[in-house]
Amino acid sequence: LVAGVDHYLENEDSLDWPMGLNVHMTTLSEAQWKQGMVDAGFENVQMHRVGLKDGFVGTLAMIGTKPQL
């Protein structure tokens, strides 16, 4: 699985999105996203921030593999 999120605790610019957009969002830290992947059974979980630039902390890219049966 590869997934990316921009709304996470360390991205302070995204913290007002739920109220500003009137959309429910759960705010998780980078560590909480990683633990969630592990708790869901993914292995080799990696977290990367991609697209970093001045004024943007990056999209949080999460990578994990499902266990072999």
Foldseek 3Di string as FASTA:
>chain_A
DKDWAQQEDVFVVNPCVCVVVVHDDDHYHLVRVQVVCVVVAFPPWDWDFPPDDVPGRGIIMIDTHHDDD
